[in-house]
Amino acid sequence: MQKDTAYKSVSQAQNITLVAVVAAIYVAITFGLQTFAFGPVQLRASEGLNHLAAWHKRYIVALALGVFIANLISPLGWIDWIFGTLGTVIMTSITYLLTRRVKSTILKIIISTVVVSTLGMAILAAEFTFAFNIGASGAFPSGSKGGLFAQWLAYYISVVPGEVVSLIVGGVVIYALSKVVDLNK
């Protein structure tokens, strides 16, 4: 009986540690490259870590925590704290659900890339559209002359390229890491 309790304690300690480490890495990368990490055109290199959600659900928490902390310096303030974090929880949860039975590392990364670059960026574009339309401090004008859909589309088109670049680079790193570390454990 004590062995089971000791094993669970180690497992919980390991999970907490991995959550903290991944969140800290996300924050460190975002802060280190913050000039490019915020705004309607962004290259948030830390987004490459989103692929981790394809291996274990603990990374959903880790990434959400990392996004929340990183967004504390966002020009959008509370809007980014809430909606940026919620968007991360949604897209990484969907990634996890779609990939939990997938064995192929490359297929996991492809699925994650599609989910994050489509759904995740759609949520981010909606967040920017909302912030701009309520006149939030730090909101960026889309430059779009149309209605809400045109504004959303302008933001979506502006954030997808940087996200795809981050996901490709992150995919290469996560692929290499998966060859030396069991990301499922």
N, C-alpha and C. Protein backbone atom coordinates (compact mmCIF):
# COMPACT_ATOMS: atom_id res chain seq x y z
N MET A 1 0.83 -1.20 0.00
CA MET A 1 0.00 0.00 0.00
C MET A 1 0.87 1.26 0.00
N GLN A 2 1.93 1.26 0.80
CA GLN A 2 2.79 2.44 0.85
C GLN A 2 3.48 2.68 -0.49
N LYS A 3 3.80 1.60 -1.21
CA LYS A 3 4.43 1.75 -2.50
C LYS A 3 3.54 2.53 -3.46
N ASP A 4 2.24 2.19 -3.48
CA ASP A 4 1.31 2.89 -4.34
C ASP A 4 1.23 4.36 -4.00
N THR A 5 1.17 4.67 -2.72
CA THR A 5 1.12 6.06 -2.27
C THR A 5 2.40 6.79 -2.66
N ALA A 6 3.54 6.16 -2.46
CA ALA A 6 4.82 6.78 -2.83
C ALA A 6 4.88 7.01 -4.34
N TYR A 7 4.40 6.04 -5.12
CA TYR A 7 4.42 6.17 -6.57
C TYR A 7 3.53 7.34 -7.01
N LYS A 8 2.32 7.45 -6.42
CA LYS A 8 1.42 8.54 -6.75
C LYS A 8 2.03 9.89 -6.38
N SER A 9 2.71 9.96 -5.24
CA SER A 9 3.35 11.21 -4.81
C SER A 9 4.43 11.62 -5.80
N VAL A 10 5.24 10.67 -6.21
CA VAL A 10 6.28 10.97 -7.18
C VAL A 10 5.65 11.40 -8.50
N SER A 11 4.60 10.70 -8.90
CA SER A 11 3.92 11.03 -10.13
C SER A 11 3.31 12.43 -10.07
N GLN A 12 2.67 12.77 -8.95
CA GLN A 12 2.10 14.12 -8.79
C GLN A 12 3.20 15.16 -8.77
N ALA A 13 4.28 14.86 -8.07
CA ALA A 13 5.41 15.80 -8.02
C ALA A 13 6.00 16.00 -9.41
N GLN A 14 6.11 14.91 -10.15
CA GLN A 14 6.63 15.00 -11.51
C GLN A 14 5.70 15.83 -12.39
N ASN A 15 4.39 15.60 -12.29
CA ASN A 15 3.43 16.38 -13.07
C ASN A 15 3.51 17.86 -12.74
N ILE A 16 3.54 18.18 -11.48
CA ILE A 16 3.61 19.59 -11.06
C ILE A 16 4.90 20.23 -11.57
N THR A 17 5.99 19.49 -11.46
CA THR A 17 7.28 20.00 -11.93
C THR A 17 7.26 20.25 -13.43
N LEU A 18 6.73 19.30 -14.20
CA LEU A 18 6.67 19.46 -15.65
C LEU A 18 5.75 20.61 -16.05
N VAL A 19 4.64 20.76 -15.35
CA VAL A 19 3.75 21.90 -15.62
C VAL A 19 4.50 23.21 -15.38
N ALA A 20 5.19 23.30 -14.25
CA ALA A 20 5.93 24.52 -13.91
C ALA A 20 7.05 24.80 -14.90
N VAL A 21 7.78 23.77 -15.29
CA VAL A 21 8.90 23.95 -16.22
C VAL A 21 8.40 24.41 -17.59
N VAL A 22 7.37 23.76 -18.11
CA VAL A 22 6.85 24.15 -19.43
C VAL A 22 6.26 25.56 -19.38
N ALA A 23 5.52 25.88 -18.33
CA ALA A 23 4.98 27.24 -18.19
C ALA A 23 6.12 28.26 -18.14
N ALA A 24 7.17 27.96 -17.39
CA ALA A 24 8.31 28.87 -17.27
C ALA A 24 9.03 29.05 -18.61
N ILE A 25 9.17 27.97 -19.35
CA ILE A 25 9.81 28.07 -20.68
C ILE A 25 8.96 28.93 -21.60
N TYR A 26 7.65 28.72 -21.58
CA TYR A 26 6.74 29.53 -22.40
C TYR A 26 6.91 31.02 -22.07
N VAL A 27 6.89 31.32 -20.78
CA VAL A 27 7.01 32.72 -20.34
C VAL A 27 8.37 33.29 -20.73
N ALA A 28 9.44 32.53 -20.50
CA ALA A 28 10.79 33.01 -20.80
C ALA A 28 10.96 33.32 -22.29
N ILE A 29 10.46 32.44 -23.14
CA ILE A 29 10.56 32.68 -24.59
C ILE A 29 9.73 33.91 -24.97
N THR A 30 8.52 33.99 -24.44
CA THR A 30 7.65 35.14 -24.78
C THR A 30 8.26 36.45 -24.29
N PHE A 31 8.74 36.48 -23.06
CA PHE A 31 9.36 37.71 -22.54
C PHE A 31 10.63 38.05 -23.30
N GLY A 32 11.41 37.03 -23.63
CA GLY A 32 12.66 37.26 -24.36
C GLY A 32 12.44 37.84 -25.74
N LEU A 33 11.34 37.51 -26.34
CA LEU A 33 11.03 37.99 -27.70
C LEU A 33 9.77 38.85 -27.70
N GLN A 34 9.53 39.57 -26.61
CA GLN A 34 8.26 40.28 -26.46
C GLN A 34 8.01 41.34 -27.52
N THR A 35 9.04 41.86 -28.14
CA THR A 35 8.85 42.84 -29.21
C THR A 35 7.99 42.25 -30.33
N PHE A 36 8.15 40.95 -30.57
CA PHE A 36 7.43 40.28 -31.65
C PHE A 36 6.24 39.46 -31.15
N ALA A 37 6.06 39.34 -29.83
CA ALA A 37 5.09 38.40 -29.25
C ALA A 37 3.68 38.96 -29.09
N PHE A 38 3.50 40.25 -29.25
CA PHE A 38 2.18 40.85 -29.04
C PHE A 38 1.82 41.70 -30.25
N GLY A 39 0.54 41.83 -30.50
CA GLY A 39 0.08 42.69 -31.57
C GLY A 39 -0.63 41.91 -32.65
N PRO A 40 -1.20 42.64 -33.61
CA PRO A 40 -1.98 41.99 -34.65
C PRO A 40 -1.11 41.19 -35.63
N VAL A 41 0.15 41.54 -35.74
CA VAL A 41 1.11 40.74 -36.50
C VAL A 41 2.14 40.33 -35.46
N GLN A 42 2.23 39.02 -35.22
CA GLN A 42 3.11 38.58 -34.14
C GLN A 42 3.81 37.29 -34.49
N LEU A 43 4.95 37.13 -33.88
CA LEU A 43 5.70 35.89 -33.98
C LEU A 43 6.01 35.49 -32.54
N ARG A 44 5.08 34.73 -31.96
CA ARG A 44 5.24 34.28 -30.58
C ARG A 44 5.85 32.88 -30.64
N ALA A 45 7.17 32.83 -30.63
CA ALA A 45 7.90 31.57 -30.79
C ALA A 45 7.48 30.52 -29.75
N SER A 46 7.09 30.96 -28.58
CA SER A 46 6.67 30.05 -27.51
C SER A 46 5.45 29.22 -27.90
N GLU A 47 4.70 29.65 -28.90
CA GLU A 47 3.53 28.92 -29.36
C GLU A 47 3.89 27.54 -29.93
N GLY A 48 5.14 27.35 -30.29
CA GLY A 48 5.59 26.05 -30.75
C GLY A 48 5.46 24.97 -29.67
N LEU A 49 5.35 25.40 -28.42
CA LEU A 49 5.17 24.45 -27.32
C LEU A 49 3.76 23.87 -27.28
N ASN A 50 2.82 24.45 -28.01
CA ASN A 50 1.45 23.95 -28.02
C ASN A 50 1.36 22.50 -28.47
N HIS A 51 2.35 22.04 -29.23
CA HIS A 51 2.36 20.64 -29.67
C HIS A 51 2.40 19.67 -28.48
N LEU A 52 2.93 20.09 -27.36
CA LEU A 52 3.04 19.19 -26.20
C LEU A 52 1.68 18.65 -25.75
N ALA A 53 0.63 19.41 -25.99
CA ALA A 53 -0.72 18.96 -25.59
C ALA A 53 -1.12 17.67 -26.30
N ALA A 54 -0.47 17.35 -27.39
CA ALA A 54 -0.77 16.11 -28.11
C ALA A 54 -0.24 14.88 -27.37
N TRP A 55 0.60 15.09 -26.37
CA TRP A 55 1.18 13.97 -25.64
C TRP A 55 0.60 13.74 -24.26
N HIS A 56 0.23 14.81 -23.57
CA HIS A 56 -0.27 14.62 -22.20
C HIS A 56 -1.13 15.82 -21.83
N LYS A 57 -2.22 15.53 -21.11
CA LYS A 57 -3.15 16.61 -20.74
C LYS A 57 -2.55 17.60 -19.74
N ARG A 58 -1.50 17.22 -19.03
CA ARG A 58 -0.89 18.17 -18.08
C ARG A 58 -0.36 19.40 -18.81
N TYR A 59 0.00 19.21 -20.11
CA TYR A 59 0.54 20.34 -20.86
C TYR A 59 -0.53 21.38 -21.20
N ILE A 60 -1.79 20.99 -21.15
CA ILE A 60 -2.87 21.97 -21.32
C ILE A 60 -2.79 22.98 -20.18
N VAL A 61 -2.63 22.49 -18.97
CA VAL A 61 -2.49 23.37 -17.79
C VAL A 61 -1.22 24.18 -17.89
N ALA A 62 -0.11 23.52 -18.27
CA ALA A 62 1.17 24.21 -18.37
C ALA A 62 1.13 25.35 -19.36
N LEU A 63 0.55 25.10 -20.52
CA LEU A 63 0.48 26.13 -21.56
C LEU A 63 -0.48 27.25 -21.16
N ALA A 64 -1.61 26.90 -20.56
CA ALA A 64 -2.55 27.93 -20.10
C ALA A 64 -1.89 28.83 -19.05
N LEU A 65 -1.17 28.21 -18.13
CA LEU A 65 -0.47 28.99 -17.09
C LEU A 65 0.60 29.88 -17.72
N GLY A 66 1.35 29.32 -18.66
CA GLY A 66 2.38 30.10 -19.35
C GLY A 66 1.79 31.27 -20.12
N VAL A 67 0.70 31.03 -20.83
CA VAL A 67 0.03 32.10 -21.59
C VAL A 67 -0.49 33.17 -20.64
N PHE A 68 -1.13 32.76 -19.55
CA PHE A 68 -1.66 33.74 -18.60
C PHE A 68 -0.55 34.64 -18.06
N ILE A 69 0.53 34.03 -17.62
CA ILE A 69 1.65 34.82 -17.05
C ILE A 69 2.26 35.72 -18.12
N ALA A 70 2.50 35.17 -19.32
CA ALA A 70 3.08 35.97 -20.40
C ALA A 70 2.16 37.14 -20.78
N ASN A 71 0.86 36.89 -20.77
CA ASN A 71 -0.10 37.94 -21.16
C ASN A 71 -0.27 39.02 -20.09
N LEU A 72 0.32 38.84 -18.94
CA LEU A 72 0.26 39.90 -17.92
C LEU A 72 0.91 41.19 -18.42
N ILE A 73 1.79 41.08 -19.43
CA ILE A 73 2.41 42.30 -19.98
C ILE A 73 1.80 42.68 -21.33
N SER A 74 0.71 42.03 -21.71
CA SER A 74 0.06 42.31 -22.98
C SER A 74 -0.53 43.71 -23.00
N PRO A 75 -0.44 44.39 -24.13
CA PRO A 75 -1.07 45.71 -24.24
C PRO A 75 -2.60 45.65 -24.11
N LEU A 76 -3.19 44.46 -24.31
CA LEU A 76 -4.64 44.33 -24.18
C LEU A 76 -5.10 44.10 -22.75
N GLY A 77 -4.16 43.90 -21.83
CA GLY A 77 -4.52 43.74 -20.42
C GLY A 77 -5.45 42.59 -20.15
N TRP A 78 -6.49 42.86 -19.35
CA TRP A 78 -7.40 41.81 -18.87
C TRP A 78 -8.03 41.00 -20.00
N ILE A 79 -8.23 41.61 -21.14
CA ILE A 79 -8.84 40.88 -22.26
C ILE A 79 -7.94 39.72 -22.68
N ASP A 80 -6.65 39.99 -22.77
CA ASP A 80 -5.70 38.94 -23.14
C ASP A 80 -5.50 37.93 -22.01
N TRP A 81 -5.58 38.39 -20.77
CA TRP A 81 -5.42 37.46 -19.64
C TRP A 81 -6.52 36.41 -19.69
N ILE A 82 -7.74 36.88 -19.91
CA ILE A 82 -8.90 35.97 -19.90
C ILE A 82 -9.03 35.21 -21.22
N PHE A 83 -9.19 35.95 -22.32
CA PHE A 83 -9.50 35.31 -23.59
C PHE A 83 -8.30 34.62 -24.22
N GLY A 84 -7.10 35.16 -24.03
CA GLY A 84 -5.91 34.49 -24.53
C GLY A 84 -5.71 33.15 -23.83
N THR A 85 -5.90 33.16 -22.52
CA THR A 85 -5.75 31.93 -21.74
C THR A 85 -6.86 30.94 -22.10
N LEU A 86 -8.08 31.41 -22.18
CA LEU A 86 -9.22 30.54 -22.53
C LEU A 86 -9.03 29.94 -23.93
N GLY A 87 -8.57 30.74 -24.87
CA GLY A 87 -8.30 30.24 -26.22
C GLY A 87 -7.27 29.13 -26.21
N THR A 88 -6.24 29.29 -25.40
CA THR A 88 -5.20 28.26 -25.27
C THR A 88 -5.79 26.98 -24.68
N VAL A 89 -6.61 27.11 -23.66
CA VAL A 89 -7.24 25.92 -23.06
C VAL A 89 -8.10 25.20 -24.09
N ILE A 90 -8.87 25.94 -24.86
CA ILE A 90 -9.74 25.33 -25.86
C ILE A 90 -8.93 24.61 -26.93
N MET A 91 -7.96 25.31 -27.54
CA MET A 91 -7.25 24.69 -28.67
C MET A 91 -6.34 23.55 -28.22
N THR A 92 -5.73 23.65 -27.05
CA THR A 92 -4.88 22.55 -26.60
C THR A 92 -5.71 21.36 -26.12
N SER A 93 -6.88 21.62 -25.57
CA SER A 93 -7.78 20.52 -25.18
C SER A 93 -8.26 19.76 -26.41
N ILE A 94 -8.61 20.49 -27.44
CA ILE A 94 -9.05 19.83 -28.68
C ILE A 94 -7.89 19.04 -29.29
N THR A 95 -6.70 19.62 -29.28
CA THR A 95 -5.52 18.90 -29.76
C THR A 95 -5.34 17.60 -28.99
N TYR A 96 -5.43 17.68 -27.67
CA TYR A 96 -5.28 16.48 -26.83
C TYR A 96 -6.33 15.43 -27.18
N LEU A 97 -7.58 15.85 -27.28
CA LEU A 97 -8.66 14.91 -27.57
C LEU A 97 -8.50 14.24 -28.95
N LEU A 98 -8.06 15.01 -29.93
CA LEU A 98 -7.92 14.47 -31.28
C LEU A 98 -6.68 13.57 -31.45
N THR A 99 -5.72 13.70 -30.55
CA THR A 99 -4.46 12.97 -30.74
C THR A 99 -4.18 11.90 -29.69
N ARG A 100 -5.04 11.73 -28.72
CA ARG A 100 -4.69 10.82 -27.62
C ARG A 100 -4.54 9.37 -28.05
N ARG A 101 -5.11 8.97 -29.15
CA ARG A 101 -4.93 7.59 -29.62
C ARG A 101 -3.97 7.51 -30.82
N VAL A 102 -3.46 8.64 -31.25
CA VAL A 102 -2.54 8.69 -32.38
C VAL A 102 -1.14 8.32 -31.89
N LYS A 103 -0.50 7.40 -32.59
CA LYS A 103 0.85 6.95 -32.21
C LYS A 103 1.96 7.71 -32.94
N SER A 104 1.69 8.12 -34.16
CA SER A 104 2.71 8.78 -34.99
C SER A 104 3.01 10.19 -34.49
N THR A 105 4.28 10.43 -34.21
CA THR A 105 4.72 11.76 -33.76
C THR A 105 4.42 12.82 -34.80
N ILE A 106 4.71 12.52 -36.04
CA ILE A 106 4.49 13.49 -37.11
C ILE A 106 3.00 13.80 -37.26
N LEU A 107 2.16 12.79 -37.18
CA LEU A 107 0.72 13.01 -37.28
C LEU A 107 0.20 13.85 -36.11
N LYS A 108 0.73 13.62 -34.92
CA LYS A 108 0.35 14.44 -33.75
C LYS A 108 0.70 15.91 -34.01
N ILE A 109 1.89 16.14 -34.54
CA ILE A 109 2.34 17.52 -34.81
C ILE A 109 1.49 18.16 -35.91
N ILE A 110 1.14 17.38 -36.92
CA ILE A 110 0.30 17.92 -38.01
C ILE A 110 -1.09 18.29 -37.46
N ILE A 111 -1.68 17.40 -36.70
CA ILE A 111 -3.01 17.67 -36.12
C ILE A 111 -2.95 18.91 -35.22
N SER A 112 -1.94 18.96 -34.39
CA SER A 112 -1.77 20.12 -33.50
C SER A 112 -1.62 21.41 -34.30
N THR A 113 -0.82 21.36 -35.35
CA THR A 113 -0.60 22.54 -36.19
C THR A 113 -1.91 23.01 -36.82
N VAL A 114 -2.70 22.09 -37.31
CA VAL A 114 -3.98 22.46 -37.94
C VAL A 114 -4.93 23.06 -36.90
N VAL A 115 -5.05 22.42 -35.74
CA VAL A 115 -5.97 22.93 -34.71
C VAL A 115 -5.55 24.31 -34.23
N VAL A 116 -4.28 24.46 -33.91
CA VAL A 116 -3.81 25.74 -33.35
C VAL A 116 -3.85 26.85 -34.38
N SER A 117 -3.44 26.56 -35.61
CA SER A 117 -3.38 27.63 -36.62
C SER A 117 -4.75 28.01 -37.16
N THR A 118 -5.74 27.13 -37.01
CA THR A 118 -7.09 27.48 -37.48
C THR A 118 -7.95 27.93 -36.30
N LEU A 119 -8.31 27.01 -35.44
CA LEU A 119 -9.18 27.33 -34.31
C LEU A 119 -8.54 28.34 -33.35
N GLY A 120 -7.30 28.08 -32.99
CA GLY A 120 -6.61 28.97 -32.05
C GLY A 120 -6.50 30.40 -32.56
N MET A 121 -6.14 30.53 -33.83
CA MET A 121 -6.00 31.87 -34.39
C MET A 121 -7.35 32.51 -34.67
N ALA A 122 -8.39 31.70 -34.91
CA ALA A 122 -9.74 32.25 -35.05
C ALA A 122 -10.18 32.87 -33.73
N ILE A 123 -9.86 32.20 -32.63
CA ILE A 123 -10.20 32.73 -31.31
C ILE A 123 -9.41 34.02 -31.03
N LEU A 124 -8.12 34.01 -31.38
CA LEU A 124 -7.30 35.21 -31.16
C LEU A 124 -7.81 36.38 -32.01
N ALA A 125 -8.19 36.11 -33.25
CA ALA A 125 -8.74 37.16 -34.10
C ALA A 125 -10.04 37.71 -33.52
N ALA A 126 -10.86 36.83 -32.96
CA ALA A 126 -12.10 37.27 -32.32
C ALA A 126 -11.79 38.14 -31.10
N GLU A 127 -10.77 37.75 -30.35
CA GLU A 127 -10.35 38.54 -29.18
C GLU A 127 -9.93 39.95 -29.61
N PHE A 128 -9.11 40.03 -30.66
CA PHE A 128 -8.67 41.34 -31.16
C PHE A 128 -9.86 42.17 -31.65
N THR A 129 -10.78 41.53 -32.38
CA THR A 129 -11.97 42.23 -32.88
C THR A 129 -12.80 42.77 -31.72
N PHE A 130 -13.01 41.95 -30.71
CA PHE A 130 -13.74 42.37 -29.51
C PHE A 130 -13.04 43.55 -28.84
N ALA A 131 -11.74 43.43 -28.64
CA ALA A 131 -10.98 44.49 -27.95
C ALA A 131 -11.06 45.80 -28.71
N PHE A 132 -10.90 45.73 -30.02
CA PHE A 132 -10.95 46.95 -30.82
C PHE A 132 -12.33 47.58 -30.78
N ASN A 133 -13.37 46.76 -30.83
CA ASN A 133 -14.73 47.29 -30.90
C ASN A 133 -15.25 47.83 -29.57
N ILE A 134 -14.69 47.40 -28.47
CA ILE A 134 -15.09 48.01 -27.19
C ILE A 134 -14.14 49.15 -26.81
N GLY A 135 -13.18 49.43 -27.69
CA GLY A 135 -12.25 50.53 -27.44
C GLY A 135 -11.30 50.25 -26.30
N ALA A 136 -10.90 48.99 -26.16
CA ALA A 136 -10.00 48.60 -25.06
C ALA A 136 -8.65 49.29 -25.22
N SER A 137 -8.08 49.64 -24.10
CA SER A 137 -6.74 50.21 -24.09
C SER A 137 -5.77 49.20 -24.69
N GLY A 138 -4.93 49.64 -25.59
CA GLY A 138 -3.96 48.75 -26.22
C GLY A 138 -4.50 48.01 -27.42
N ALA A 139 -5.78 48.24 -27.80
CA ALA A 139 -6.37 47.54 -28.94
C ALA A 139 -5.78 48.10 -30.24
N PHE A 140 -5.65 47.25 -31.22
CA PHE A 140 -5.03 47.61 -32.49
C PHE A 140 -6.10 47.72 -33.56
N PRO A 141 -6.11 48.81 -34.32
CA PRO A 141 -7.08 48.91 -35.41
C PRO A 141 -6.75 47.89 -36.49
N SER A 142 -7.75 47.25 -37.07
CA SER A 142 -7.52 46.21 -38.07
C SER A 142 -7.21 46.81 -39.44
N GLY A 143 -7.62 48.04 -39.66
CA GLY A 143 -7.45 48.64 -40.98
C GLY A 143 -8.54 48.23 -41.94
N SER A 144 -9.46 47.40 -41.46
CA SER A 144 -10.55 46.90 -42.29
C SER A 144 -11.67 47.93 -42.35
N LYS A 145 -12.24 48.10 -43.54
CA LYS A 145 -13.32 49.06 -43.72
C LYS A 145 -14.70 48.42 -43.55
N GLY A 146 -14.76 47.10 -43.43
CA GLY A 146 -16.03 46.40 -43.35
C GLY A 146 -16.54 46.28 -41.93
N GLY A 147 -17.46 45.36 -41.76
CA GLY A 147 -18.05 45.11 -40.46
C GLY A 147 -17.19 44.19 -39.61
N LEU A 148 -17.85 43.54 -38.64
CA LEU A 148 -17.15 42.67 -37.70
C LEU A 148 -16.43 41.52 -38.39
N PHE A 149 -17.09 40.89 -39.37
CA PHE A 149 -16.44 39.77 -40.05
C PHE A 149 -15.18 40.22 -40.78
N ALA A 150 -15.24 41.37 -41.42
CA ALA A 150 -14.06 41.88 -42.14
C ALA A 150 -12.92 42.19 -41.16
N GLN A 151 -13.28 42.75 -40.01
CA GLN A 151 -12.25 43.00 -38.99
C GLN A 151 -11.64 41.69 -38.50
N TRP A 152 -12.52 40.72 -38.18
CA TRP A 152 -12.04 39.42 -37.72
C TRP A 152 -11.12 38.80 -38.76
N LEU A 153 -11.53 38.81 -40.03
CA LEU A 153 -10.74 38.21 -41.10
C LEU A 153 -9.39 38.91 -41.25
N ALA A 154 -9.39 40.22 -41.13
CA ALA A 154 -8.12 40.97 -41.22
C ALA A 154 -7.17 40.54 -40.11
N TYR A 155 -7.68 40.42 -38.89
CA TYR A 155 -6.83 39.95 -37.79
C TYR A 155 -6.38 38.52 -38.00
N TYR A 156 -7.31 37.66 -38.44
CA TYR A 156 -6.98 36.25 -38.65
C TYR A 156 -5.84 36.12 -39.66
N ILE A 157 -5.97 36.82 -40.77
CA ILE A 157 -4.94 36.77 -41.82
C ILE A 157 -3.62 37.31 -41.30
N SER A 158 -3.67 38.26 -40.38
CA SER A 158 -2.41 38.84 -39.89
C SER A 158 -1.71 37.98 -38.84
N VAL A 159 -2.44 37.14 -38.10
CA VAL A 159 -1.79 36.34 -37.05
C VAL A 159 -1.40 34.93 -37.51
N VAL A 160 -2.04 34.41 -38.52
CA VAL A 160 -1.77 33.03 -38.95
C VAL A 160 -0.32 32.81 -39.42
N PRO A 161 0.26 33.67 -40.26
CA PRO A 161 1.63 33.37 -40.73
C PRO A 161 2.66 33.22 -39.60
N GLY A 162 2.65 34.11 -38.63
CA GLY A 162 3.60 34.02 -37.51
C GLY A 162 3.35 32.77 -36.68
N GLU A 163 2.08 32.41 -36.53
CA GLU A 163 1.73 31.21 -35.77
C GLU A 163 2.23 29.96 -36.49
N VAL A 164 2.05 29.91 -37.79
CA VAL A 164 2.49 28.75 -38.56
C VAL A 164 4.02 28.61 -38.46
N VAL A 165 4.74 29.71 -38.57
CA VAL A 165 6.20 29.66 -38.43
C VAL A 165 6.58 29.12 -37.05
N SER A 166 5.94 29.64 -36.00
CA SER A 166 6.22 29.18 -34.64
C SER A 166 5.91 27.69 -34.49
N LEU A 167 4.81 27.24 -35.08
CA LEU A 167 4.42 25.84 -34.99
C LEU A 167 5.35 24.92 -35.77
N ILE A 168 5.86 25.39 -36.89
CA ILE A 168 6.81 24.57 -37.66
C ILE A 168 8.12 24.43 -36.88
N VAL A 169 8.64 25.54 -36.39
CA VAL A 169 9.88 25.48 -35.61
C VAL A 169 9.66 24.64 -34.35
N GLY A 170 8.55 24.89 -33.65
CA GLY A 170 8.23 24.12 -32.46
C GLY A 170 8.03 22.65 -32.77
N GLY A 171 7.42 22.35 -33.92
CA GLY A 171 7.22 20.97 -34.33
C GLY A 171 8.53 20.23 -34.53
N VAL A 172 9.51 20.90 -35.12
CA VAL A 172 10.83 20.30 -35.31
C VAL A 172 11.48 20.03 -33.95
N VAL A 173 11.39 21.00 -33.05
CA VAL A 173 11.98 20.85 -31.71
C VAL A 173 11.28 19.73 -30.94
N ILE A 174 9.95 19.73 -30.95
CA ILE A 174 9.20 18.69 -30.22
C ILE A 174 9.44 17.31 -30.83
N TYR A 175 9.53 17.24 -32.15
CA TYR A 175 9.83 15.97 -32.81
C TYR A 175 11.18 15.43 -32.33
N ALA A 176 12.20 16.28 -32.34
CA ALA A 176 13.53 15.87 -31.89
C ALA A 176 13.50 15.47 -30.41
N LEU A 177 12.81 16.25 -29.61
CA LEU A 177 12.70 15.96 -28.18
C LEU A 177 12.01 14.62 -27.94
N SER A 178 10.98 14.33 -28.74
CA SER A 178 10.23 13.08 -28.57
C SER A 178 11.08 11.85 -28.87
N LYS A 179 12.17 12.04 -29.57
CA LYS A 179 13.07 10.92 -29.88
C LYS A 179 13.98 10.56 -28.69
N VAL A 180 14.13 11.50 -27.75
CA VAL A 180 15.01 11.25 -26.59
C VAL A 180 14.27 11.24 -25.25
N VAL A 181 13.05 11.77 -25.25
CA VAL A 181 12.26 11.84 -24.02
C VAL A 181 10.87 11.29 -24.31
N ASP A 182 10.34 10.49 -23.40
CA ASP A 182 8.97 9.98 -23.54
C ASP A 182 8.02 11.08 -23.05
N LEU A 183 7.43 11.81 -23.96
CA LEU A 183 6.56 12.94 -23.62
C LEU A 183 5.23 12.49 -23.02
N ASN A 184 4.91 11.21 -23.14
CA ASN A 184 3.68 10.69 -22.57
C ASN A 184 3.76 10.51 -21.07
N LYS A 185 4.94 10.39 -20.54
CA LYS A 185 5.11 10.12 -19.11
C LYS A 185 5.35 11.38 -18.33
